[in-house]
Amino acid sequence: MGLKCGIIGLSNSGKTTLFNCVANTRVQAQPGAQKTNIGQINVPDQRLFEIDKIIKSVRIQFATVDLVDIPGLSKGSGASESGSSKFLAEIQQCDALIHVIRCFDSDTVPHIEGSVNPVRDKEIVDLELCIRDLNLVERKMQRVEKMLKAGEKDAKKQLEVLGIYKEHLENFLPARTAPLHRPEDHECIADMYLITDKPVIYVCNVDENSAVNGNAYVEQVRDAVKNENTEVLVIAAELEAQIAELESSEDREVFLSDAGLSEPGVNRVVQTAYRLLNLQSFFTAGVKEVRAWTIHKGDTAPKAAGVIHSDLERGFIRAEVMKYEDFIHYKSEAACRDAGKLFVEGKNYVVADGDILHIRFNV
């Protein structure tokens, strides 16, 4: 499975700058842009290098995250007749949102609202997303009302659930916090891919001097989202962009150290997305390739096999499993087998983070 994140925010929030430094691109931020930027980043995982030191494979293949950077939002973006509405439609297929909020002052970068106020900016974007989702819910309610008149038995319950979402969105509250009574009620909106139903990461874009400890603007954002199931990251996008332009990893590490940072912001963004989406990685390892694959926590071995190829899930027989720590300790598959650290697992085995799998199948 691939992870896809949509980057949203007001114009001049530093959204495209962040996109460039995490996706290693050179897109120019343009007010009123009419184009969505698409990029891809590797999921940093040092364990791949440690496995490869033993395997010495031809190549290392990281898990990847797709990024969709839509043009900056503004008031009215969520309206169905708005030109920006088509850009919002492009992030409906995303798994999570990265909401970039401006938390820096600048005499050279004007704010579209005339002043820096991160909580107001967040509320503007939230409002537009709620309006977009409300339009979708109302349209579906109209369709379900026709189904009810036609005598479809589940239509009444669907209307009740959609009504809860409608009222919630009318109060400018995100769909992900709607007061549902049963887990299965969420199925009523699954086909609409509501934007406000997605997990969101708030990225406070700060100046270089605030990269380590944040600033007063960041504290305002943290206070505003304290009741949300989310995380707030502090990233100096301009600084990160300078780091990303350095050619050698040694230079990047020195630059990070001088700035008081332990790792690039891209690492923290990806790690946070994995946590919010309940994701983890497993590995396949051979002389041709050492590779990381992304699955949900709780997925079984056949489900993990299906991420590699559908045939592997369909013809799954068993999985030969080594724990990452055991493989690093014993230095080879044969040594793990001799030590009793290579396990043969069936269809009910729940894959753990860092498992090294070899799938046996027959189709």
Protein backbone atom coordinates (compact mmCIF):
# COMPACT_ATOMS: atom_id res chain seq x y z
CA MET A 1 0.00 0.00 0.00
CA GLY A 2 1.15 3.54 -0.67
CA LEU A 3 0.70 6.46 1.70
CA LYS A 4 -0.60 9.67 0.15
CA CYS A 5 -0.59 13.01 1.97
CA GLY A 6 -2.21 16.25 0.85
CA ILE A 7 -0.52 19.55 1.75
CA ILE A 8 -2.96 22.37 2.43
CA GLY A 9 -2.78 25.92 3.77
CA LEU A 10 -3.30 29.55 2.91
CA SER A 11 -1.21 31.28 0.26
CA ASN A 12 2.21 32.45 1.50
CA SER A 13 2.14 30.04 4.42
CA GLY A 14 5.29 28.28 3.16
CA LYS A 15 3.36 25.30 1.88
CA THR A 16 5.21 24.94 -1.42
CA THR A 17 8.57 25.61 0.25
CA LEU A 18 7.88 22.68 2.56
CA PHE A 19 6.81 20.56 -0.42
CA ASN A 20 10.06 21.35 -2.21
CA CYS A 21 12.33 20.43 0.66
CA VAL A 22 10.57 17.17 1.54
CA ALA A 23 10.01 16.06 -2.07
CA ASN A 24 13.39 17.38 -3.29
CA THR A 25 11.81 19.42 -6.07
CA ARG A 26 12.20 23.02 -7.27
CA VAL A 27 8.60 24.15 -7.74
CA GLN A 28 8.17 27.92 -7.66
CA ALA A 29 5.45 29.23 -5.36
CA GLN A 30 3.10 31.44 -7.37
CA PRO A 31 0.11 33.38 -5.98
CA GLY A 32 -3.05 32.31 -7.77
CA ALA A 33 -1.39 29.19 -9.15
CA GLN A 34 -3.68 26.91 -11.13
CA LYS A 35 -1.66 23.73 -10.90
CA THR A 36 -1.34 20.99 -8.31
CA ASN A 37 2.19 19.85 -7.50
CA ILE A 38 2.86 16.11 -7.20
CA GLY A 39 5.92 14.62 -5.54
CA GLN A 40 7.21 11.54 -3.78
CA ILE A 41 9.53 11.05 -0.82
CA ASN A 42 11.29 8.06 0.68
CA VAL A 43 10.33 6.93 4.16
CA PRO A 44 13.60 7.20 6.11
CA ASP A 45 14.47 3.91 7.82
CA GLN A 46 18.01 3.21 9.00
CA ARG A 47 17.15 -0.48 9.42
CA LEU A 48 17.32 -0.95 5.64
CA PHE A 49 21.00 0.03 5.65
CA GLU A 50 21.75 -2.29 8.56
CA ILE A 51 20.11 -5.23 6.76
CA ASP A 52 21.99 -4.37 3.57
CA LYS A 53 25.32 -4.44 5.39
CA ILE A 54 24.69 -8.17 5.83
CA ILE A 55 22.86 -8.98 2.58
CA LYS A 56 24.93 -6.71 0.29
CA SER A 57 22.08 -6.49 -2.20
CA VAL A 58 22.05 -4.77 -5.57
CA ARG A 59 19.80 -2.00 -4.33
CA ILE A 60 17.86 -0.62 -1.39
CA GLN A 61 14.22 0.31 -1.97
CA PHE A 62 12.54 2.54 0.60
CA ALA A 63 8.83 2.70 1.25
CA THR A 64 7.50 5.90 -0.30
CA VAL A 65 4.96 8.62 0.45
CA ASP A 66 3.15 10.49 -2.33
CA LEU A 67 2.61 14.21 -1.78
CA VAL A 68 -0.10 16.37 -3.31
CA ASP A 69 0.49 20.11 -2.88
CA ILE A 70 -2.59 22.07 -3.87
CA PRO A 71 -2.56 25.84 -4.57
CA GLY A 72 -3.04 28.06 -1.54
CA LEU A 73 -6.59 28.24 -0.23
CA SER A 74 -8.53 31.41 0.44
CA LYS A 75 -12.00 32.41 1.54
CA GLY A 76 -14.57 30.84 -0.77
CA SER A 77 -12.38 27.93 -1.84
CA GLY A 78 -14.82 25.37 -0.48
CA ALA A 79 -17.79 26.60 -2.49
CA SER A 80 -18.87 24.24 -5.25
CA GLU A 81 -18.66 27.01 -7.85
CA SER A 82 -15.17 28.06 -6.76
CA GLY A 83 -12.22 27.41 -9.05
CA SER A 84 -10.26 26.14 -6.05
CA SER A 85 -12.88 23.47 -5.47
CA LYS A 86 -11.31 21.26 -8.14
CA PHE A 87 -8.02 21.34 -6.21
CA LEU A 88 -9.78 20.21 -3.05
CA ALA A 89 -11.20 17.31 -5.02
CA GLU A 90 -7.63 16.22 -5.78
CA ILE A 91 -6.83 15.65 -2.11
CA GLN A 92 -10.00 13.66 -1.43
CA GLN A 93 -8.06 10.53 -2.33
CA CYS A 94 -5.29 11.32 0.17
CA ASP A 95 -4.87 9.34 3.38
CA ALA A 96 -3.87 12.29 5.57
CA LEU A 97 -3.52 16.07 5.47
CA ILE A 98 -0.49 18.20 6.23
CA HIS A 99 -1.87 21.62 7.19
CA VAL A 100 0.87 24.26 6.94
CA ILE A 101 0.25 27.32 9.11
CA ARG A 102 2.29 30.49 8.89
CA CYS A 103 3.99 31.22 12.21
CA PHE A 104 6.60 33.76 11.13
CA ASP A 105 6.75 37.51 10.52
CA SER A 106 8.20 38.91 7.32
CA ASP A 107 8.37 42.33 5.72
CA THR A 108 9.04 40.79 2.31
CA VAL A 109 6.36 38.05 2.29
CA PRO A 110 2.94 39.71 2.65
CA HIS A 111 0.11 37.87 4.39
CA ILE A 112 -3.06 37.58 2.33
CA GLU A 113 -5.12 38.60 5.38
CA GLY A 114 -2.88 41.57 6.20
CA SER A 115 -1.43 40.20 9.44
CA VAL A 116 -0.01 37.03 10.95
CA ASN A 117 -2.64 35.22 13.03
CA PRO A 118 -2.20 31.43 12.90
CA VAL A 119 -5.44 30.55 14.69
CA ARG A 120 -7.49 32.73 12.33
CA ASP A 121 -5.66 31.19 9.36
CA LYS A 122 -6.41 27.68 10.60
CA GLU A 123 -10.08 28.56 11.03
CA ILE A 124 -10.28 29.98 7.50
CA VAL A 125 -8.99 26.72 6.02
CA ASP A 126 -11.16 24.60 8.33
CA LEU A 127 -14.23 26.57 7.31
CA GLU A 128 -13.58 26.08 3.60
CA LEU A 129 -13.01 22.35 4.05
CA CYS A 130 -16.20 22.00 6.10
CA ILE A 131 -18.19 23.86 3.41
CA ARG A 132 -16.79 21.52 0.77
CA ASP A 133 -17.73 18.43 2.80
CA LEU A 134 -21.14 19.82 3.72
CA ASN A 135 -21.99 20.16 0.03
CA LEU A 136 -21.10 16.51 -0.51
CA VAL A 137 -23.14 15.33 2.47
CA GLU A 138 -26.19 17.31 1.38
CA ARG A 139 -26.02 15.87 -2.12
CA LYS A 140 -25.86 12.34 -0.77
CA MET A 141 -28.81 13.04 1.54
CA GLN A 142 -30.85 13.99 -1.51
CA ARG A 143 -29.97 10.68 -3.16
CA VAL A 144 -30.75 8.68 -0.02
CA GLU A 145 -34.12 10.45 0.37
CA LYS A 146 -35.05 9.13 -3.07
CA MET A 147 -33.94 5.65 -1.99
CA LEU A 148 -36.16 5.94 1.09
CA LYS A 149 -39.16 6.80 -1.05
CA ALA A 150 -38.35 3.77 -3.19
CA GLY A 151 -38.58 1.58 -0.09
CA GLU A 152 -34.91 0.66 0.42
CA LYS A 153 -34.63 -0.68 3.96
CA ASP A 154 -31.28 0.87 4.95
CA ALA A 155 -32.10 4.35 3.69
CA LYS A 156 -33.68 5.59 6.93
CA LYS A 157 -30.64 4.71 9.01
CA GLN A 158 -28.32 6.29 6.43
CA LEU A 159 -30.32 9.51 6.57
CA GLU A 160 -30.05 9.61 10.35
CA VAL A 161 -26.27 9.20 10.22
CA LEU A 162 -25.87 11.72 7.40
CA GLY A 163 -27.97 14.14 9.43
CA ILE A 164 -25.44 13.88 12.28
CA TYR A 165 -22.64 14.74 9.88
CA LYS A 166 -24.64 17.58 8.34
CA GLU A 167 -25.30 19.23 11.69
CA HIS A 168 -21.69 18.75 12.74
CA LEU A 169 -20.32 20.33 9.56
CA GLU A 170 -22.85 23.18 9.74
CA ASN A 171 -21.24 24.04 13.08
CA PHE A 172 -17.89 24.15 11.22
CA LEU A 173 -16.59 21.07 13.00
CA PRO A 174 -14.60 18.41 11.08
CA ALA A 175 -16.28 15.15 10.12
CA ARG A 176 -13.63 13.12 11.98
CA THR A 177 -15.03 14.42 15.32
CA ALA A 178 -18.71 13.70 14.56
CA PRO A 179 -20.53 12.01 17.50
CA LEU A 180 -21.26 8.62 15.95
CA HIS A 181 -22.96 5.91 18.01
CA ARG A 182 -21.73 2.81 16.16
CA PRO A 183 -18.45 2.09 14.37
CA GLU A 184 -20.32 0.93 11.27
CA ASP A 185 -22.02 4.33 10.96
CA HIS A 186 -18.84 5.64 9.37
CA GLU A 187 -19.58 3.49 6.31
CA CYS A 188 -22.27 6.01 5.31
CA ILE A 189 -19.61 8.56 4.32
CA ALA A 190 -16.80 6.22 3.23
CA ASP A 191 -17.65 6.62 -0.46
CA MET A 192 -17.45 10.43 -0.26
CA TYR A 193 -13.85 10.64 0.97
CA LEU A 194 -14.64 13.70 3.07
CA ILE A 195 -11.59 15.91 3.50
CA THR A 196 -12.32 16.76 7.14
CA ASP A 197 -12.64 13.06 7.95
CA LYS A 198 -8.92 12.55 7.31
CA PRO A 199 -6.23 12.67 10.00
CA VAL A 200 -4.40 16.00 9.99
CA ILE A 201 -0.88 17.03 10.97
CA TYR A 202 -0.37 20.72 11.74
CA VAL A 203 2.99 22.08 10.59
CA CYS A 204 3.89 25.43 12.11
CA ASN A 205 6.21 27.11 9.61
CA VAL A 206 8.53 29.30 11.68
CA ASP A 207 11.60 31.47 11.13
CA GLU A 208 15.08 30.03 11.55
CA ASN A 209 15.49 31.38 15.08
CA SER A 210 12.36 29.51 16.19
CA ALA A 211 13.23 26.18 14.55
CA VAL A 212 14.14 24.45 17.81
CA ASN A 213 11.83 25.88 20.47
CA GLY A 214 9.02 27.44 18.45
CA ASN A 215 7.52 30.82 19.28
CA ALA A 216 4.36 32.49 20.58
CA TYR A 217 2.52 31.76 17.32
CA VAL A 218 3.22 28.03 17.74
CA GLU A 219 1.84 28.10 21.27
CA GLN A 220 -1.38 29.66 19.92
CA VAL A 221 -1.75 26.79 17.46
CA ARG A 222 -1.08 24.18 20.13
CA ASP A 223 -3.72 25.71 22.36
CA ALA A 224 -6.23 25.84 19.49
CA VAL A 225 -5.84 22.11 18.64
CA LYS A 226 -5.35 20.70 22.15
CA ASN A 227 -8.66 18.83 21.99
CA GLU A 228 -7.99 17.33 18.56
CA ASN A 229 -6.42 13.93 18.01
CA THR A 230 -3.46 15.36 16.16
CA GLU A 231 0.15 16.46 16.42
CA VAL A 232 1.82 19.84 15.93
CA LEU A 233 5.24 19.96 14.27
CA VAL A 234 7.54 22.97 14.25
CA ILE A 235 9.49 23.29 11.01
CA ALA A 236 11.47 26.18 9.54
CA ALA A 237 10.69 25.48 5.88
CA GLU A 238 13.24 27.96 4.47
CA LEU A 239 15.96 26.44 6.63
CA GLU A 240 14.91 22.92 5.63
CA ALA A 241 15.03 23.97 1.97
CA GLN A 242 18.62 25.15 2.40
CA ILE A 243 19.55 21.85 4.05
CA ALA A 244 17.87 19.85 1.26
CA GLU A 245 19.97 21.65 -1.36
CA LEU A 246 23.24 20.41 0.15
CA GLU A 247 24.71 17.57 -1.88
CA SER A 248 26.37 15.41 0.77
CA SER A 249 24.78 13.80 3.82
CA GLU A 250 27.78 14.95 5.89
CA ASP A 251 27.12 18.59 5.00
CA ARG A 252 23.45 18.18 5.83
CA GLU A 253 24.28 16.68 9.22
CA VAL A 254 26.63 19.57 10.02
CA PHE A 255 24.00 22.11 8.95
CA LEU A 256 21.38 20.40 11.11
CA SER A 257 23.71 20.30 14.09
CA ASP A 258 24.58 23.98 13.72
CA ALA A 259 20.85 24.79 13.68
CA GLY A 260 20.29 22.72 16.83
CA LEU A 261 18.24 20.07 15.02
CA SER A 262 18.68 16.30 15.30
CA GLU A 263 16.96 15.30 12.03
CA PRO A 264 15.34 16.86 8.95
CA GLY A 265 11.74 17.96 9.23
CA VAL A 266 10.73 15.50 6.51
CA ASN A 267 11.58 12.64 8.86
CA ARG A 268 9.27 13.99 11.53
CA VAL A 269 6.44 14.60 9.06
CA VAL A 270 6.58 11.01 7.77
CA GLN A 271 6.95 9.48 11.24
CA THR A 272 3.96 11.47 12.49
CA ALA A 273 1.84 10.44 9.50
CA TYR A 274 2.67 6.80 10.19
CA ARG A 275 1.60 7.15 13.82
CA LEU A 276 -1.67 8.90 13.03
CA LEU A 277 -2.56 6.36 10.34
CA ASN A 278 -1.50 3.35 12.45
CA LEU A 279 1.06 2.24 9.87
CA GLN A 280 4.24 0.21 10.13
CA SER A 281 6.92 -1.34 7.89
CA PHE A 282 8.06 -4.87 7.17
CA PHE A 283 11.00 -5.91 5.02
CA THR A 284 11.93 -8.32 2.26
CA ALA A 285 15.62 -9.04 1.82
CA GLY A 286 17.58 -10.80 -0.91
CA VAL A 287 20.64 -10.37 -3.10
CA LYS A 288 18.67 -8.35 -5.65
CA GLU A 289 16.91 -6.01 -3.27
CA VAL A 290 16.37 -5.01 0.34
CA ARG A 291 12.97 -3.35 0.51
CA ALA A 292 10.54 -1.80 2.98
CA TRP A 293 6.78 -2.21 2.62
CA THR A 294 4.00 -0.30 4.35
CA ILE A 295 1.06 -2.01 6.08
CA HIS A 296 -1.41 -1.23 8.85
CA LYS A 297 -0.69 -2.42 12.35
CA GLY A 298 -2.69 -5.59 12.90
CA ASP A 299 -2.43 -6.79 9.30
CA THR A 300 -1.93 -10.54 8.88
CA ALA A 301 0.77 -12.24 6.81
CA PRO A 302 -1.50 -12.80 3.75
CA LYS A 303 -2.46 -9.11 3.82
CA ALA A 304 1.20 -8.14 3.92
CA ALA A 305 1.90 -10.55 1.07
CA GLY A 306 -0.79 -8.83 -0.98
CA VAL A 307 1.05 -5.51 -0.64
CA ILE A 308 3.98 -7.10 -2.47
CA HIS A 309 1.75 -8.66 -5.16
CA SER A 310 -1.87 -9.80 -5.28
CA ASP A 311 -0.76 -13.28 -6.41
CA LEU A 312 1.15 -13.74 -3.16
CA GLU A 313 -1.97 -13.09 -1.12
CA ARG A 314 -4.17 -15.22 -3.34
CA GLY A 315 -1.82 -18.21 -3.27
CA PHE A 316 -0.42 -17.69 0.23
CA ILE A 317 0.90 -20.86 1.89
CA ARG A 318 3.09 -19.61 4.71
CA ALA A 319 5.49 -16.88 5.76
CA GLU A 320 9.04 -17.45 6.96
CA VAL A 321 9.67 -14.72 9.51
CA MET A 322 12.79 -13.31 11.12
CA LYS A 323 12.72 -10.47 13.62
CA TYR A 324 14.92 -7.54 12.60
CA GLU A 325 16.86 -7.64 15.88
CA ASP A 326 17.52 -11.38 15.51
CA PHE A 327 18.77 -11.02 11.94
CA ILE A 328 21.13 -8.20 12.90
CA HIS A 329 22.42 -10.26 15.84
CA TYR A 330 22.94 -13.59 14.03
CA LYS A 331 24.08 -12.03 10.72
CA SER A 332 22.38 -14.48 8.33
CA GLU A 333 19.19 -16.40 7.61
CA ALA A 334 20.99 -19.71 8.14
CA ALA A 335 22.26 -18.63 11.55
CA CYS A 336 18.77 -17.49 12.55
CA ARG A 337 17.39 -20.86 11.48
CA ASP A 338 20.03 -22.74 13.48
CA ALA A 339 19.30 -20.61 16.55
CA GLY A 340 15.57 -21.23 16.29
CA LYS A 341 14.93 -17.59 15.34
CA LEU A 342 13.35 -18.25 11.94
CA PHE A 343 9.66 -18.87 12.38
CA VAL A 344 7.19 -20.48 9.98
CA GLU A 345 3.84 -18.70 10.30
CA GLY A 346 0.42 -19.28 8.77
CA LYS A 347 -2.51 -17.15 7.66
CA ASN A 348 -3.36 -15.88 11.14
CA TYR A 349 0.07 -14.46 11.91
CA VAL A 350 -0.05 -10.73 12.69
CA VAL A 351 2.97 -9.02 11.16
CA ALA A 352 5.05 -6.87 13.52
CA ASP A 353 6.99 -3.73 12.69
CA GLY A 354 10.43 -4.68 11.38
CA ASP A 355 9.62 -8.29 10.51
CA ILE A 356 11.68 -9.71 7.64
CA LEU A 357 9.36 -11.90 5.57
CA HIS A 358 9.82 -14.53 2.90
CA ILE A 359 6.44 -15.50 1.44
CA ARG A 360 5.79 -19.02 0.17
CA PHE A 361 2.88 -19.19 -2.26
CA ASN A 362 1.37 -21.19 -5.08
CA VAL A 363 -0.98 -19.96 -7.82
